[in-house]
Amino acid sequence: MYSVMLFIHILVCALLVVIVLLQQSRGGGMSSVFGGGGGGGADSLFGGKGATPFFVKVTTGLAMAFFVTSLVLVLISRRSMPKSAVEKALEEMPMPAPMPGEEGPVIPTEPAPIIPEEPGGGE
């Protein structure tokens, strides 16, 4: 389920990028390739009004799909994933008993040496 949603999310992202790049900006944008130089005349691909209403609707739909797929991916990833067979086996395996005569690191408990003070030093 997660991989299917991730594929749809990536597809929506790619389409959203393409549609945003095709929209006409103040400077003309890439939509001038499809719609002509400035206003979308009778010979344009999207008709007399140009591509603006079409691209606005498609961008809105893709933006909503982007938010929905993002939320679904977050909700799916928050669920606890089933443990693998290796993880289950490691949990069921008893801890090994310590070897006889083997203990942790030995820390010396001898007191620290006393350093004598210098005569006449307190000035």
C-alpha atoms as a PDB file:
ATOM      1  CA  MET A   1       0.000   0.000   0.000  1.00  0.00           C
ATOM      2  CA  TYR A   2       2.798   2.381   0.918  1.00  0.00           C
ATOM      3  CA  SER A   3       4.689   1.831  -2.329  1.00  0.00           C
ATOM      4  CA  VAL A   4       1.544   2.385  -4.413  1.00  0.00           C
ATOM      5  CA  MET A   5       0.818   5.669  -2.628  1.00  0.00           C
ATOM      6  CA  LEU A   6       4.444   6.716  -2.998  1.00  0.00           C
ATOM      7  CA  PHE A   7       4.286   6.066  -6.749  1.00  0.00           C
ATOM      8  CA  ILE A   8       1.088   8.127  -7.066  1.00  0.00           C
ATOM      9  CA  HIS A   9       2.646  10.909  -4.990  1.00  0.00           C
ATOM     10  CA  ILE A  10       5.756  11.062  -7.181  1.00  0.00           C
ATOM     11  CA  LEU A  11       3.589  11.064 -10.319  1.00  0.00           C
ATOM     12  CA  VAL A  12       1.479  13.930  -8.955  1.00  0.00           C
ATOM     13  CA  CYS A  13       4.638  15.869  -8.054  1.00  0.00           C
ATOM     14  CA  ALA A  14       6.085  15.483 -11.549  1.00  0.00           C
ATOM     15  CA  LEU A  15       2.820  16.526 -13.202  1.00  0.00           C
ATOM     16  CA  LEU A  16       2.505  19.509 -10.887  1.00  0.00           C
ATOM     17  CA  VAL A  17       5.985  20.712 -11.816  1.00  0.00           C
ATOM     18  CA  VAL A  18       5.239  20.375 -15.535  1.00  0.00           C
ATOM     19  CA  ILE A  19       1.882  22.183 -15.280  1.00  0.00           C
ATOM     20  CA  VAL A  20       3.360  25.033 -13.251  1.00  0.00           C
ATOM     21  CA  LEU A  21       6.145  25.458 -15.812  1.00  0.00           C
ATOM     22  CA  LEU A  22       3.615  25.535 -18.655  1.00  0.00           C
ATOM     23  CA  GLN A  23       1.544  28.310 -17.114  1.00  0.00           C
ATOM     24  CA  GLN A  24       1.898  31.749 -18.598  1.00  0.00           C
ATOM     25  CA  SER A  25       3.785  34.146 -16.398  1.00  0.00           C
ATOM     26  CA  ARG A  26       4.099  37.883 -16.787  1.00  0.00           C
ATOM     27  CA  GLY A  27       7.005  37.365 -19.127  1.00  0.00           C
ATOM     28  CA  GLY A  28       5.331  34.800 -21.353  1.00  0.00           C
ATOM     29  CA  GLY A  29       6.631  31.542 -19.842  1.00  0.00           C
ATOM     30  CA  MET A  30       6.752  28.220 -21.611  1.00  0.00           C
ATOM     31  CA  SER A  31       3.054  28.448 -22.464  1.00  0.00           C
ATOM     32  CA  SER A  32       3.981  30.838 -25.243  1.00  0.00           C
ATOM     33  CA  VAL A  33       5.261  27.767 -27.076  1.00  0.00           C
ATOM     34  CA  PHE A  34       1.746  26.323 -27.122  1.00  0.00           C
ATOM     35  CA  GLY A  35      -0.415  29.437 -27.098  1.00  0.00           C
ATOM     36  CA  GLY A  36       1.476  31.901 -29.233  1.00  0.00           C
ATOM     37  CA  GLY A  37       3.275  35.080 -28.305  1.00  0.00           C
ATOM     38  CA  GLY A  38       0.974  36.795 -25.901  1.00  0.00           C
ATOM     39  CA  GLY A  39      -2.717  36.449 -25.889  1.00  0.00           C
ATOM     40  CA  GLY A  40      -3.816  33.147 -27.330  1.00  0.00           C
ATOM     41  CA  GLY A  41      -5.340  33.918 -30.697  1.00  0.00           C
ATOM     42  CA  ALA A  42      -7.532  31.756 -32.870  1.00  0.00           C
ATOM     43  CA  ASP A  43      -4.597  29.563 -33.879  1.00  0.00           C
ATOM     44  CA  SER A  44      -3.613  28.646 -30.315  1.00  0.00           C
ATOM     45  CA  LEU A  45      -3.780  25.128 -28.986  1.00  0.00           C
ATOM     46  CA  PHE A  46      -6.263  25.811 -26.157  1.00  0.00           C
ATOM     47  CA  GLY A  47      -8.721  28.093 -27.953  1.00  0.00           C
ATOM     48  CA  GLY A  48      -9.495  31.802 -27.882  1.00  0.00           C
ATOM     49  CA  LYS A  49      -9.281  32.334 -24.115  1.00  0.00           C
ATOM     50  CA  GLY A  50      -5.889  30.715 -23.935  1.00  0.00           C
ATOM     51  CA  ALA A  51      -4.743  28.038 -21.547  1.00  0.00           C
ATOM     52  CA  THR A  52      -5.169  30.001 -18.330  1.00  0.00           C
ATOM     53  CA  PRO A  53      -8.486  28.538 -17.065  1.00  0.00           C
ATOM     54  CA  PHE A  54      -7.447  25.007 -18.026  1.00  0.00           C
ATOM     55  CA  PHE A  55      -4.061  25.253 -16.284  1.00  0.00           C
ATOM     56  CA  VAL A  56      -5.570  26.864 -13.193  1.00  0.00           C
ATOM     57  CA  LYS A  57      -8.037  23.980 -12.794  1.00  0.00           C
ATOM     58  CA  VAL A  58      -5.385  21.329 -13.394  1.00  0.00           C
ATOM     59  CA  THR A  59      -2.966  23.030 -10.973  1.00  0.00           C
ATOM     60  CA  THR A  60      -5.658  23.218  -8.285  1.00  0.00           C
ATOM     61  CA  GLY A  61      -6.536  19.562  -8.720  1.00  0.00           C
ATOM     62  CA  LEU A  62      -2.911  18.444  -8.638  1.00  0.00           C
ATOM     63  CA  ALA A  63      -2.189  20.605  -5.575  1.00  0.00           C
ATOM     64  CA  MET A  64      -5.116  19.005  -3.724  1.00  0.00           C
ATOM     65  CA  ALA A  65      -3.921  15.540  -4.790  1.00  0.00           C
ATOM     66  CA  PHE A  66      -0.421  16.413  -3.555  1.00  0.00           C
ATOM     67  CA  PHE A  67      -1.724  17.342  -0.097  1.00  0.00           C
ATOM     68  CA  VAL A  68      -3.956  14.274   0.135  1.00  0.00           C
ATOM     69  CA  THR A  69      -1.209  11.863  -0.896  1.00  0.00           C
ATOM     70  CA  SER A  70       1.205  13.543   1.524  1.00  0.00           C
ATOM     71  CA  LEU A  71      -1.214  13.077   4.419  1.00  0.00           C
ATOM     72  CA  VAL A  72      -1.943   9.474   3.466  1.00  0.00           C
ATOM     73  CA  LEU A  73       1.782   8.687   3.288  1.00  0.00           C
ATOM     74  CA  VAL A  74       2.323  10.159   6.750  1.00  0.00           C
ATOM     75  CA  LEU A  75      -0.577   8.207   8.222  1.00  0.00           C
ATOM     76  CA  ILE A  76       0.587   4.963   6.626  1.00  0.00           C
ATOM     77  CA  SER A  77       4.176   5.421   7.809  1.00  0.00           C
ATOM     78  CA  ARG A  78       3.065   6.048  11.418  1.00  0.00           C
ATOM     79  CA  ARG A  79       1.614   2.561  11.736  1.00  0.00           C
ATOM     80  CA  SER A  80       3.863   0.000  13.355  1.00  0.00           C
ATOM     81  CA  MET A  81       5.517  -2.126  10.751  1.00  0.00           C
ATOM     82  CA  PRO A  82       5.492  -5.905  11.252  1.00  0.00           C
ATOM     83  CA  LYS A  83       8.767  -7.323  12.478  1.00  0.00           C
ATOM     84  CA  SER A  84      10.873  -9.441  10.192  1.00  0.00           C
ATOM     85  CA  ALA A  85      11.675 -13.071  10.931  1.00  0.00           C
ATOM     86  CA  VAL A  86      15.221 -12.137  11.938  1.00  0.00           C
ATOM     87  CA  GLU A  87      14.009  -9.558  14.470  1.00  0.00           C
ATOM     88  CA  LYS A  88      11.540 -12.055  15.957  1.00  0.00           C
ATOM     89  CA  ALA A  89      14.253 -14.711  16.247  1.00  0.00           C
ATOM     90  CA  LEU A  90      16.626 -12.293  17.965  1.00  0.00           C
ATOM     91  CA  GLU A  91      13.969 -11.355  20.509  1.00  0.00           C
ATOM     92  CA  GLU A  92      13.177 -14.983  21.301  1.00  0.00           C
ATOM     93  CA  MET A  93      16.829 -15.997  21.607  1.00  0.00           C
ATOM     94  CA  PRO A  94      17.965 -16.285  25.250  1.00  0.00           C
ATOM     95  CA  MET A  95      20.895 -14.191  26.401  1.00  0.00           C
ATOM     96  CA  PRO A  96      24.123 -16.202  26.606  1.00  0.00           C
ATOM     97  CA  ALA A  97      25.243 -17.069  30.137  1.00  0.00           C
ATOM     98  CA  PRO A  98      28.586 -15.607  31.225  1.00  0.00           C
ATOM     99  CA  MET A  99      31.564 -17.962  31.033  1.00  0.00           C
ATOM    100  CA  PRO A 100      32.866 -19.233  34.385  1.00  0.00           C
ATOM    101  CA  GLY A 101      35.714 -17.104  35.641  1.00  0.00           C
ATOM    102  CA  GLU A 102      34.847 -14.348  33.196  1.00  0.00           C
ATOM    103  CA  GLU A 103      33.793 -11.139  34.805  1.00  0.00           C
ATOM    104  CA  GLY A 104      33.570  -7.519  33.840  1.00  0.00           C
ATOM    105  CA  PRO A 105      36.581  -5.223  33.729  1.00  0.00           C
ATOM    106  CA  VAL A 106      38.522  -5.053  36.973  1.00  0.00           C
ATOM    107  CA  ILE A 107      38.860  -1.586  38.418  1.00  0.00           C
ATOM    108  CA  PRO A 108      41.707  -1.103  40.921  1.00  0.00           C
ATOM    109  CA  THR A 109      40.488   0.003  44.322  1.00  0.00           C
ATOM    110  CA  GLU A 110      43.848   1.239  45.678  1.00  0.00           C
ATOM    111  CA  PRO A 111      43.776   4.712  47.183  1.00  0.00           C
ATOM    112  CA  ALA A 112      45.353   7.550  45.248  1.00  0.00           C
ATOM    113  CA  PRO A 113      48.956   8.422  46.243  1.00  0.00           C
ATOM    114  CA  ILE A 114      49.355  11.353  48.609  1.00  0.00           C
ATOM    115  CA  ILE A 115      51.493  14.173  47.238  1.00  0.00           C
ATOM    116  CA  PRO A 116      53.467  15.946  49.967  1.00  0.00           C
ATOM    117  CA  GLU A 117      53.186  19.711  50.161  1.00  0.00           C
ATOM    118  CA  GLU A 118      56.200  21.946  49.616  1.00  0.00           C
ATOM    119  CA  PRO A 119      57.678  23.460  52.746  1.00  0.00           C
ATOM    120  CA  GLY A 120      56.776  27.092  53.254  1.00  0.00           C
ATOM    121  CA  GLY A 121      54.324  27.205  50.447  1.00  0.00           C
ATOM    122  CA  GLY A 122      51.098  28.891  51.467  1.00  0.00           C
ATOM    123  CA  GLU A 123      52.051  32.365  50.442  1.00  0.00           C
END
